[in-house]
Amino acid sequence: MEARMKSPENADVMTAIQHLYKAVHAGGADPLLLDLVHLRASQINGCSPCVYAGVASARKRGETDERLHNVVTWRETPFFTEAERAALALTEAATRIQDGAPGVTDEIWDAAAAHFDDEQLSAIVLNIAMTNFFNRINRTVRQQAGKTW
């Protein structure tokens, strides 16, 4: 499969995205957790460039292959903390909103809120939304893993 565009970037859009990333990282959420959230949403959406980028970023932060290989099956493994599990559940619920899926239930929100303060939750939610944004752009233009952003 080949990319449909040489570069889907636009200077004004990239500036806006940089401001959003700055806001995400100013929210106090662990950057490695944000990488896991990004990776899980990207797995759900089948976005190979974002899966690639999520794995690469998490590895740079010292994440283990054992955990990276199991993000997709986080519920069935002992490798994630309760806070990480809450963030991953929030990620899945916020990402899977099609076809009448329940979205973020009070139970999922309350579990996340038990581990993160409002600023951290805002950062996590914005990170999920931005990941879904990028996933949709990359899937639309057929951006290739390892050759983007």
Protein backbone atom coordinates (compact mmCIF):
# COMPACT_ATOMS: atom_id res chain seq x y z
CA MET A 1 0.00 0.00 0.00
CA GLU A 2 1.31 3.44 -0.89
CA ALA A 3 0.63 6.75 0.78
CA ARG A 4 -1.90 8.93 -1.03
CA MET A 5 -0.07 12.17 -0.21
CA LYS A 6 3.61 12.97 0.03
CA SER A 7 2.98 15.09 3.10
CA PRO A 8 -0.38 15.69 4.76
CA GLU A 9 1.21 18.43 6.85
CA ASN A 10 0.11 22.04 6.86
CA ALA A 11 2.16 24.64 8.76
CA ASP A 12 -0.82 26.15 10.59
CA VAL A 13 -2.17 22.73 11.52
CA MET A 14 1.23 21.58 12.76
CA THR A 15 1.54 24.70 14.94
CA ALA A 16 -1.89 24.02 16.45
CA ILE A 17 -0.96 20.37 17.06
CA GLN A 18 2.27 21.42 18.79
CA HIS A 19 0.21 23.62 21.13
CA LEU A 20 -2.10 20.70 21.88
CA TYR A 21 0.85 18.42 22.64
CA LYS A 22 2.26 21.08 24.93
CA ALA A 23 -1.08 21.17 26.77
CA VAL A 24 -1.15 17.37 27.06
CA HIS A 25 2.34 17.21 28.51
CA ALA A 26 1.68 20.12 30.88
CA GLY A 27 -1.18 18.16 32.46
CA GLY A 28 1.06 16.11 34.71
CA ALA A 29 0.21 12.65 33.36
CA ASP A 30 3.17 10.27 33.11
CA PRO A 31 4.55 10.51 29.55
CA LEU A 32 4.95 6.73 29.41
CA LEU A 33 1.28 6.31 30.32
CA LEU A 34 0.40 8.72 27.51
CA ASP A 35 2.44 6.54 25.15
CA LEU A 36 0.50 3.44 26.25
CA VAL A 37 -2.79 5.28 25.75
CA HIS A 38 -1.66 6.39 22.28
CA LEU A 39 -0.59 2.86 21.42
CA ARG A 40 -3.86 1.28 22.54
CA ALA A 41 -6.09 3.70 20.65
CA SER A 42 -3.92 3.26 17.56
CA GLN A 43 -4.16 -0.53 17.83
CA ILE A 44 -7.95 -0.30 18.00
CA ASN A 45 -8.04 1.95 14.94
CA GLY A 46 -5.50 -0.09 12.99
CA CYS A 47 -3.19 2.89 12.45
CA SER A 48 0.22 1.41 11.67
CA PRO A 49 2.16 4.72 11.73
CA CYS A 50 0.78 5.55 15.18
CA VAL A 51 1.37 2.03 16.51
CA TYR A 52 4.93 2.30 15.22
CA ALA A 53 5.39 5.74 16.78
CA GLY A 54 3.79 4.69 20.07
CA VAL A 55 6.09 1.69 20.43
CA ALA A 56 9.17 3.74 19.47
CA SER A 57 8.33 6.51 21.93
CA ALA A 58 7.58 4.10 24.78
CA ARG A 59 10.84 2.23 24.16
CA LYS A 60 12.77 5.52 24.33
CA ARG A 61 11.18 6.07 27.75
CA GLY A 62 12.40 2.64 28.88
CA GLU A 63 9.26 0.56 28.36
CA THR A 64 9.81 -3.19 28.14
CA ASP A 65 9.00 -5.34 25.15
CA GLU A 66 6.98 -7.59 27.46
CA ARG A 67 4.55 -4.80 28.29
CA LEU A 68 4.50 -3.34 24.78
CA HIS A 69 3.60 -6.73 23.30
CA ASN A 70 0.75 -7.03 25.78
CA VAL A 71 -0.91 -3.61 25.56
CA VAL A 72 -3.40 -5.19 23.16
CA THR A 73 -4.28 -7.79 25.84
CA TRP A 74 -3.86 -5.63 28.93
CA ARG A 75 -6.90 -7.12 30.67
CA GLU A 76 -5.48 -10.64 30.54
CA THR A 77 -1.96 -9.87 31.76
CA PRO A 78 -0.41 -8.99 35.13
CA PHE A 79 1.92 -6.39 33.62
CA PHE A 80 -0.08 -3.19 34.18
CA THR A 81 -0.85 -1.17 37.29
CA GLU A 82 -4.40 -0.35 38.33
CA ALA A 83 -3.88 3.25 37.20
CA GLU A 84 -2.65 2.09 33.79
CA ARG A 85 -5.61 -0.28 33.51
CA ALA A 86 -8.00 2.57 34.29
CA ALA A 87 -6.37 4.75 31.62
CA LEU A 88 -6.45 1.92 29.06
CA ALA A 89 -10.13 1.23 29.81
CA LEU A 90 -10.87 4.94 29.37
CA THR A 91 -8.93 4.89 26.10
CA GLU A 92 -10.90 1.97 24.74
CA ALA A 93 -14.27 3.38 25.78
CA ALA A 94 -13.50 6.82 24.31
CA THR A 95 -12.18 5.30 21.09
CA ARG A 96 -14.87 2.68 20.50
CA ILE A 97 -17.91 4.93 20.17
CA GLN A 98 -19.32 3.51 16.95
CA ASP A 99 -22.27 1.20 16.42
CA GLY A 100 -24.02 1.99 19.68
CA ALA A 101 -21.05 1.20 21.93
CA PRO A 102 -21.72 2.63 25.39
CA GLY A 103 -18.72 4.96 25.32
CA VAL A 104 -17.28 6.15 28.62
CA THR A 105 -19.58 4.87 31.36
CA ASP A 106 -19.66 6.36 34.84
CA GLU A 107 -17.87 3.23 36.10
CA ILE A 108 -15.00 3.69 33.64
CA TRP A 109 -14.76 7.41 34.37
CA ASP A 110 -14.85 6.88 38.15
CA ALA A 111 -12.09 4.26 37.93
CA ALA A 112 -9.87 6.71 36.04
CA ALA A 113 -10.78 9.58 38.38
CA ALA A 114 -9.71 7.44 41.33
CA HIS A 115 -6.15 7.41 39.96
CA PHE A 116 -5.76 10.78 38.24
CA ASP A 117 -6.56 14.37 39.18
CA ASP A 118 -8.53 16.66 36.87
CA GLU A 119 -5.45 18.03 35.10
CA GLN A 120 -4.10 14.55 34.46
CA LEU A 121 -7.50 13.34 33.27
CA SER A 122 -7.72 16.32 30.93
CA ALA A 123 -4.31 15.45 29.53
CA ILE A 124 -5.28 11.79 29.07
CA VAL A 125 -8.59 12.66 27.40
CA LEU A 126 -6.92 15.16 25.07
CA ASN A 127 -4.24 12.59 24.25
CA ILE A 128 -6.93 10.03 23.37
CA ALA A 129 -8.71 12.57 21.16
CA MET A 130 -5.49 13.62 19.41
CA THR A 131 -4.54 10.00 18.82
CA ASN A 132 -7.92 9.33 17.22
CA PHE A 133 -7.44 12.50 15.15
CA PHE A 134 -4.07 11.28 13.87
CA ASN A 135 -5.37 7.75 13.34
CA ARG A 136 -8.08 9.04 11.07
CA ILE A 137 -5.77 11.27 9.07
CA ASN A 138 -3.21 8.49 8.66
CA ARG A 139 -5.82 5.92 7.62
CA THR A 140 -7.33 8.38 5.13
CA VAL A 141 -4.05 9.28 3.41
CA ARG A 142 -2.55 5.79 3.88
CA GLN A 143 0.46 7.13 5.71
CA GLN A 144 3.11 4.46 6.15
CA ALA A 145 4.62 3.26 9.43
CA GLY A 146 8.03 4.76 10.11
CA LYS A 147 7.61 7.47 7.48
CA THR A 148 5.34 9.97 9.20
CA TRP A 149 5.31 13.04 11.42
